[in-house]
Amino acid sequence: MEAVDYRPSRQLDKNQVQRLGNCDFIKKRENVLITGSTGVGKSYLASAIGHQACSMGKKVMYFNTAKLFTMLKTSKADGSYPKQIGKLEKQDLLILDDFGLKPLDNINRHALMEIIEDRHGQRSTIIASQLPVSKWHDIIGERTLADAILDRLVHTAHRIDIKGESMRRKLKNKN
């Protein structure tokens, strides 16, 4: 958390990030939605908060969203799906990174609904996405499920929209 870059071009609210770093949002069972363009540090910030939560004794899991959905599809085929969903449900904090890189198919949409429904009001979730939250409805698809998922995610969420240019590009230019 101490290495988060607060330069003005990123428009990060240092107080908000530090409050999230104390992990009270987990005790309150709230969510965090981090958005911004490629390379601005969404994954870094989500991971830093997750690391902080681990250091405070919280159970945390991090997934690239596409890889999580692939794993869940495989687990349906081998019969371990209920066990996998159970693991996700028990985590104090679940981090879903790179959400919305491609539209969800019906299987993934239902899996996401199950995950969010199981966690709603019980556990916290961080979602990091290149897309603004206003575009998530289209990515999820099927209006009724998208409404249900977003209603459960958004209303108890802290939102962070990171601005600025790619941190990867800045680091590359320094070398």
C-alpha atoms as a PDB file:
ATOM      1  CA  MET A   1       0.000   0.000   0.000  1.00  0.00           C
ATOM      2  CA  GLU A   2       2.881   2.350   0.747  1.00  0.00           C
ATOM      3  CA  ALA A   3       4.072   2.169  -2.878  1.00  0.00           C
ATOM      4  CA  VAL A   4       0.791   3.422  -4.418  1.00  0.00           C
ATOM      5  CA  ASP A   5       1.494   6.369  -6.720  1.00  0.00           C
ATOM      6  CA  TYR A   6      -0.651   9.407  -5.884  1.00  0.00           C
ATOM      7  CA  ARG A   7       0.635  11.835  -8.505  1.00  0.00           C
ATOM      8  CA  PRO A   8      -2.107  14.317  -9.464  1.00  0.00           C
ATOM      9  CA  SER A   9      -2.609  12.983 -13.010  1.00  0.00           C
ATOM     10  CA  ARG A  10      -3.926   9.701 -11.553  1.00  0.00           C
ATOM     11  CA  GLN A  11      -6.677  11.492  -9.602  1.00  0.00           C
ATOM     12  CA  LEU A  12      -6.492   8.927  -6.802  1.00  0.00           C
ATOM     13  CA  ASP A  13      -8.017  10.004  -3.505  1.00  0.00           C
ATOM     14  CA  LYS A  14      -5.244   9.151  -1.036  1.00  0.00           C
ATOM     15  CA  ASN A  15      -7.646   9.212   1.927  1.00  0.00           C
ATOM     16  CA  GLN A  16     -10.017   6.787   0.198  1.00  0.00           C
ATOM     17  CA  VAL A  17      -7.209   4.385  -0.714  1.00  0.00           C
ATOM     18  CA  GLN A  18      -5.786   4.508   2.814  1.00  0.00           C
ATOM     19  CA  ARG A  19      -9.247   3.847   4.291  1.00  0.00           C
ATOM     20  CA  LEU A  20      -9.569   0.826   2.011  1.00  0.00           C
ATOM     21  CA  GLY A  21      -6.110  -0.254   3.155  1.00  0.00           C
ATOM     22  CA  ASN A  22      -7.318  -0.510   6.734  1.00  0.00           C
ATOM     23  CA  CYS A  23      -9.784  -3.142   5.437  1.00  0.00           C
ATOM     24  CA  ASP A  24     -12.827  -1.856   7.331  1.00  0.00           C
ATOM     25  CA  PHE A  25     -14.768  -2.343   4.098  1.00  0.00           C
ATOM     26  CA  ILE A  26     -14.274  -6.088   4.590  1.00  0.00           C
ATOM     27  CA  LYS A  27     -15.746  -5.940   8.106  1.00  0.00           C
ATOM     28  CA  LYS A  28     -18.669  -3.990   6.650  1.00  0.00           C
ATOM     29  CA  ARG A  29     -19.020  -6.493   3.770  1.00  0.00           C
ATOM     30  CA  GLU A  30     -18.675  -3.780   1.147  1.00  0.00           C
ATOM     31  CA  ASN A  31     -17.262  -4.047  -2.357  1.00  0.00           C
ATOM     32  CA  VAL A  32     -14.636  -2.084  -4.273  1.00  0.00           C
ATOM     33  CA  LEU A  33     -14.893  -1.366  -7.997  1.00  0.00           C
ATOM     34  CA  ILE A  34     -11.665  -0.163  -9.614  1.00  0.00           C
ATOM     35  CA  THR A  35     -11.793   1.120 -13.178  1.00  0.00           C
ATOM     36  CA  GLY A  36      -9.361   2.790 -15.549  1.00  0.00           C
ATOM     37  CA  SER A  37      -7.586   2.265 -18.841  1.00  0.00           C
ATOM     38  CA  THR A  38      -4.895  -0.307 -19.534  1.00  0.00           C
ATOM     39  CA  GLY A  39      -1.800  -0.118 -17.363  1.00  0.00           C
ATOM     40  CA  VAL A  40      -2.915   2.590 -14.918  1.00  0.00           C
ATOM     41  CA  GLY A  41      -2.465   0.360 -11.873  1.00  0.00           C
ATOM     42  CA  LYS A  42      -5.875  -1.243 -11.251  1.00  0.00           C
ATOM     43  CA  SER A  43      -4.439  -4.716 -10.696  1.00  0.00           C
ATOM     44  CA  TYR A  44      -1.646  -3.308  -8.569  1.00  0.00           C
ATOM     45  CA  LEU A  45      -4.070  -1.453  -6.318  1.00  0.00           C
ATOM     46  CA  ALA A  46      -6.443  -4.436  -6.028  1.00  0.00           C
ATOM     47  CA  SER A  47      -3.491  -6.700  -5.180  1.00  0.00           C
ATOM     48  CA  ALA A  48      -2.083  -4.204  -2.663  1.00  0.00           C
ATOM     49  CA  ILE A  49      -5.426  -4.087  -0.846  1.00  0.00           C
ATOM     50  CA  GLY A  50      -5.587  -7.888  -0.998  1.00  0.00           C
ATOM     51  CA  HIS A  51      -2.070  -8.192   0.390  1.00  0.00           C
ATOM     52  CA  GLN A  52      -2.959  -5.804   3.197  1.00  0.00           C
ATOM     53  CA  ALA A  53      -6.052  -7.893   3.993  1.00  0.00           C
ATOM     54  CA  CYS A  54      -3.899 -11.062   4.100  1.00  0.00           C
ATOM     55  CA  SER A  55      -1.494  -9.389   6.512  1.00  0.00           C
ATOM     56  CA  MET A  56      -4.498  -8.682   8.758  1.00  0.00           C
ATOM     57  CA  GLY A  57      -5.447 -12.364   8.771  1.00  0.00           C
ATOM     58  CA  LYS A  58      -8.225 -12.204   6.176  1.00  0.00           C
ATOM     59  CA  LYS A  59      -8.798 -15.011   3.675  1.00  0.00           C
ATOM     60  CA  VAL A  60      -8.236 -13.616   0.185  1.00  0.00           C
ATOM     61  CA  MET A  61      -8.341 -15.099  -3.320  1.00  0.00           C
ATOM     62  CA  TYR A  62      -7.273 -13.325  -6.512  1.00  0.00           C
ATOM     63  CA  PHE A  63      -8.365 -14.374  -9.998  1.00  0.00           C
ATOM     64  CA  ASN A  64      -8.067 -13.124 -13.507  1.00  0.00           C
ATOM     65  CA  THR A  65     -11.781 -13.244 -14.357  1.00  0.00           C
ATOM     66  CA  ALA A  66     -11.385 -15.127 -17.652  1.00  0.00           C
ATOM     67  CA  LYS A  67      -9.205 -17.785 -15.975  1.00  0.00           C
ATOM     68  CA  LEU A  68     -11.711 -18.115 -13.124  1.00  0.00           C
ATOM     69  CA  PHE A  69     -14.535 -18.756 -15.579  1.00  0.00           C
ATOM     70  CA  THR A  70     -12.422 -21.314 -17.444  1.00  0.00           C
ATOM     71  CA  MET A  71     -11.673 -23.081 -14.154  1.00  0.00           C
ATOM     72  CA  LEU A  72     -15.359 -23.050 -13.196  1.00  0.00           C
ATOM     73  CA  LYS A  73     -16.390 -24.528 -16.571  1.00  0.00           C
ATOM     74  CA  THR A  74     -13.822 -27.296 -16.100  1.00  0.00           C
ATOM     75  CA  SER A  75     -15.061 -27.916 -12.573  1.00  0.00           C
ATOM     76  CA  LYS A  76     -18.618 -28.355 -13.888  1.00  0.00           C
ATOM     77  CA  ALA A  77     -17.327 -31.077 -16.207  1.00  0.00           C
ATOM     78  CA  ASP A  78     -15.402 -32.926 -13.471  1.00  0.00           C
ATOM     79  CA  GLY A  79     -18.038 -32.494 -10.753  1.00  0.00           C
ATOM     80  CA  SER A  80     -16.036 -30.192  -8.480  1.00  0.00           C
ATOM     81  CA  TYR A  81     -18.113 -27.065  -9.214  1.00  0.00           C
ATOM     82  CA  PRO A  82     -19.949 -26.975  -5.853  1.00  0.00           C
ATOM     83  CA  LYS A  83     -16.611 -27.295  -4.036  1.00  0.00           C
ATOM     84  CA  GLN A  84     -15.063 -24.466  -6.111  1.00  0.00           C
ATOM     85  CA  ILE A  85     -18.056 -22.170  -5.558  1.00  0.00           C
ATOM     86  CA  GLY A  86     -17.916 -23.021  -1.850  1.00  0.00           C
ATOM     87  CA  LYS A  87     -14.257 -21.950  -1.699  1.00  0.00           C
ATOM     88  CA  LEU A  88     -15.088 -18.622  -3.340  1.00  0.00           C
ATOM     89  CA  GLU A  89     -17.988 -18.038  -0.975  1.00  0.00           C
ATOM     90  CA  LYS A  90     -15.808 -18.534   2.119  1.00  0.00           C
ATOM     91  CA  GLN A  91     -13.153 -15.954   1.226  1.00  0.00           C
ATOM     92  CA  ASP A  92     -13.306 -12.720   3.208  1.00  0.00           C
ATOM     93  CA  LEU A  93     -12.176 -10.932   0.049  1.00  0.00           C
ATOM     94  CA  LEU A  94     -12.450 -12.113  -3.544  1.00  0.00           C
ATOM     95  CA  ILE A  95     -10.542 -10.121  -6.167  1.00  0.00           C
ATOM     96  CA  LEU A  96     -11.711 -10.414  -9.787  1.00  0.00           C
ATOM     97  CA  ASP A  97      -9.231  -8.749 -12.117  1.00  0.00           C
ATOM     98  CA  ASP A  98      -9.628  -7.868 -15.806  1.00  0.00           C
ATOM     99  CA  PHE A  99     -13.405  -8.093 -15.644  1.00  0.00           C
ATOM    100  CA  GLY A 100     -15.228  -7.435 -18.895  1.00  0.00           C
ATOM    101  CA  LEU A 101     -12.502  -8.024 -21.455  1.00  0.00           C
ATOM    102  CA  LYS A 102     -15.080 -10.004 -23.419  1.00  0.00           C
ATOM    103  CA  PRO A 103     -18.856 -10.440 -23.073  1.00  0.00           C
ATOM    104  CA  LEU A 104     -20.039 -13.232 -20.784  1.00  0.00           C
ATOM    105  CA  ASP A 105     -21.658 -16.301 -22.243  1.00  0.00           C
ATOM    106  CA  ASN A 106     -24.671 -17.868 -20.542  1.00  0.00           C
ATOM    107  CA  ILE A 107     -22.623 -20.275 -18.400  1.00  0.00           C
ATOM    108  CA  ASN A 108     -20.274 -17.536 -17.153  1.00  0.00           C
ATOM    109  CA  ARG A 109     -23.156 -15.124 -16.570  1.00  0.00           C
ATOM    110  CA  HIS A 110     -24.887 -17.671 -14.323  1.00  0.00           C
ATOM    111  CA  ALA A 111     -21.624 -18.501 -12.530  1.00  0.00           C
ATOM    112  CA  LEU A 112     -21.039 -14.799 -11.846  1.00  0.00           C
ATOM    113  CA  MET A 113     -24.583 -14.459 -10.533  1.00  0.00           C
ATOM    114  CA  GLU A 114     -24.054 -17.412  -8.212  1.00  0.00           C
ATOM    115  CA  ILE A 115     -20.755 -16.006  -6.922  1.00  0.00           C
ATOM    116  CA  ILE A 116     -22.137 -12.520  -6.350  1.00  0.00           C
ATOM    117  CA  GLU A 117     -25.383 -13.812  -4.831  1.00  0.00           C
ATOM    118  CA  ASP A 118     -23.498 -16.063  -2.389  1.00  0.00           C
ATOM    119  CA  ARG A 119     -21.204 -13.213  -1.336  1.00  0.00           C
ATOM    120  CA  HIS A 120     -23.767 -10.392  -1.228  1.00  0.00           C
ATOM    121  CA  GLY A 121     -24.046  -8.995   2.281  1.00  0.00           C
ATOM    122  CA  GLN A 122     -21.721 -11.747   3.562  1.00  0.00           C
ATOM    123  CA  ARG A 123     -18.282 -11.045   2.089  1.00  0.00           C
ATOM    124  CA  SER A 124     -16.412  -8.397   0.106  1.00  0.00           C
ATOM    125  CA  THR A 125     -15.416  -8.407  -3.540  1.00  0.00           C
ATOM    126  CA  ILE A 126     -13.010  -6.207  -5.492  1.00  0.00           C
ATOM    127  CA  ILE A 127     -13.522  -6.008  -9.230  1.00  0.00           C
ATOM    128  CA  ALA A 128     -10.950  -4.335 -11.478  1.00  0.00           C
ATOM    129  CA  SER A 129     -11.944  -3.475 -15.048  1.00  0.00           C
ATOM    130  CA  GLN A 130     -10.851  -1.386 -17.994  1.00  0.00           C
ATOM    131  CA  LEU A 131     -14.501  -0.619 -18.628  1.00  0.00           C
ATOM    132  CA  PRO A 132     -16.474   1.959 -16.689  1.00  0.00           C
ATOM    133  CA  VAL A 133     -19.204   0.451 -14.511  1.00  0.00           C
ATOM    134  CA  SER A 134     -21.805   1.974 -16.862  1.00  0.00           C
ATOM    135  CA  LYS A 135     -20.640  -0.518 -19.561  1.00  0.00           C
ATOM    136  CA  TRP A 136     -20.804  -3.628 -17.357  1.00  0.00           C
ATOM    137  CA  HIS A 137     -24.485  -4.215 -18.105  1.00  0.00           C
ATOM    138  CA  ASP A 138     -23.659  -4.810 -21.779  1.00  0.00           C
ATOM    139  CA  ILE A 139     -20.733  -7.123 -20.928  1.00  0.00           C
ATOM    140  CA  ILE A 140     -22.834  -9.239 -18.581  1.00  0.00           C
ATOM    141  CA  GLY A 141     -25.661  -9.449 -21.111  1.00  0.00           C
ATOM    142  CA  GLU A 142     -29.164 -10.756 -20.396  1.00  0.00           C
ATOM    143  CA  ARG A 143     -30.863  -7.776 -18.863  1.00  0.00           C
ATOM    144  CA  THR A 144     -32.484  -9.462 -15.842  1.00  0.00           C
ATOM    145  CA  LEU A 145     -29.285 -11.157 -14.651  1.00  0.00           C
ATOM    146  CA  ALA A 146     -27.193  -8.067 -15.343  1.00  0.00           C
ATOM    147  CA  ASP A 147     -29.609  -5.991 -13.245  1.00  0.00           C
ATOM    148  CA  ALA A 148     -29.457  -8.511 -10.391  1.00  0.00           C
ATOM    149  CA  ILE A 149     -25.654  -8.794 -10.442  1.00  0.00           C
ATOM    150  CA  LEU A 150     -25.030  -5.058 -10.650  1.00  0.00           C
ATOM    151  CA  ASP A 151     -27.629  -4.270  -7.992  1.00  0.00           C
ATOM    152  CA  ARG A 152     -25.773  -6.529  -5.554  1.00  0.00           C
ATOM    153  CA  LEU A 153     -22.328  -5.215  -6.512  1.00  0.00           C
ATOM    154  CA  VAL A 154     -22.741  -1.507  -6.987  1.00  0.00           C
ATOM    155  CA  HIS A 155     -24.875  -0.375  -4.064  1.00  0.00           C
ATOM    156  CA  THR A 156     -22.363  -1.435  -1.410  1.00  0.00           C
ATOM    157  CA  ALA A 157     -19.306  -0.417  -3.413  1.00  0.00           C
ATOM    158  CA  HIS A 158     -16.491   2.043  -3.074  1.00  0.00           C
ATOM    159  CA  ARG A 159     -15.545   3.243  -6.557  1.00  0.00           C
ATOM    160  CA  ILE A 160     -12.107   4.194  -7.741  1.00  0.00           C
ATOM    161  CA  ASP A 161     -11.521   5.426 -11.281  1.00  0.00           C
ATOM    162  CA  ILE A 162      -7.798   5.690 -11.934  1.00  0.00           C
ATOM    163  CA  LYS A 163      -6.728   8.209 -14.569  1.00  0.00           C
ATOM    164  CA  GLY A 164      -3.451   8.899 -16.303  1.00  0.00           C
ATOM    165  CA  GLU A 165      -1.164   7.122 -18.678  1.00  0.00           C
ATOM    166  CA  SER A 166       0.058   3.551 -18.459  1.00  0.00           C
ATOM    167  CA  MET A 167       2.400   2.952 -15.543  1.00  0.00           C
ATOM    168  CA  ARG A 168       4.032   0.168 -17.584  1.00  0.00           C
ATOM    169  CA  ARG A 169       4.856   2.643 -20.338  1.00  0.00           C
ATOM    170  CA  LYS A 170       6.265   5.096 -17.779  1.00  0.00           C
ATOM    171  CA  LEU A 171       8.469   2.392 -16.248  1.00  0.00           C
ATOM    172  CA  LYS A 172       9.660   1.260 -19.678  1.00  0.00           C
ATOM    173  CA  ASN A 173      10.568   4.846 -20.628  1.00  0.00           C
ATOM    174  CA  LYS A 174      12.612   5.213 -17.408  1.00  0.00           C
ATOM    175  CA  ASN A 175      14.840   2.236 -18.340  1.00  0.00           C
END
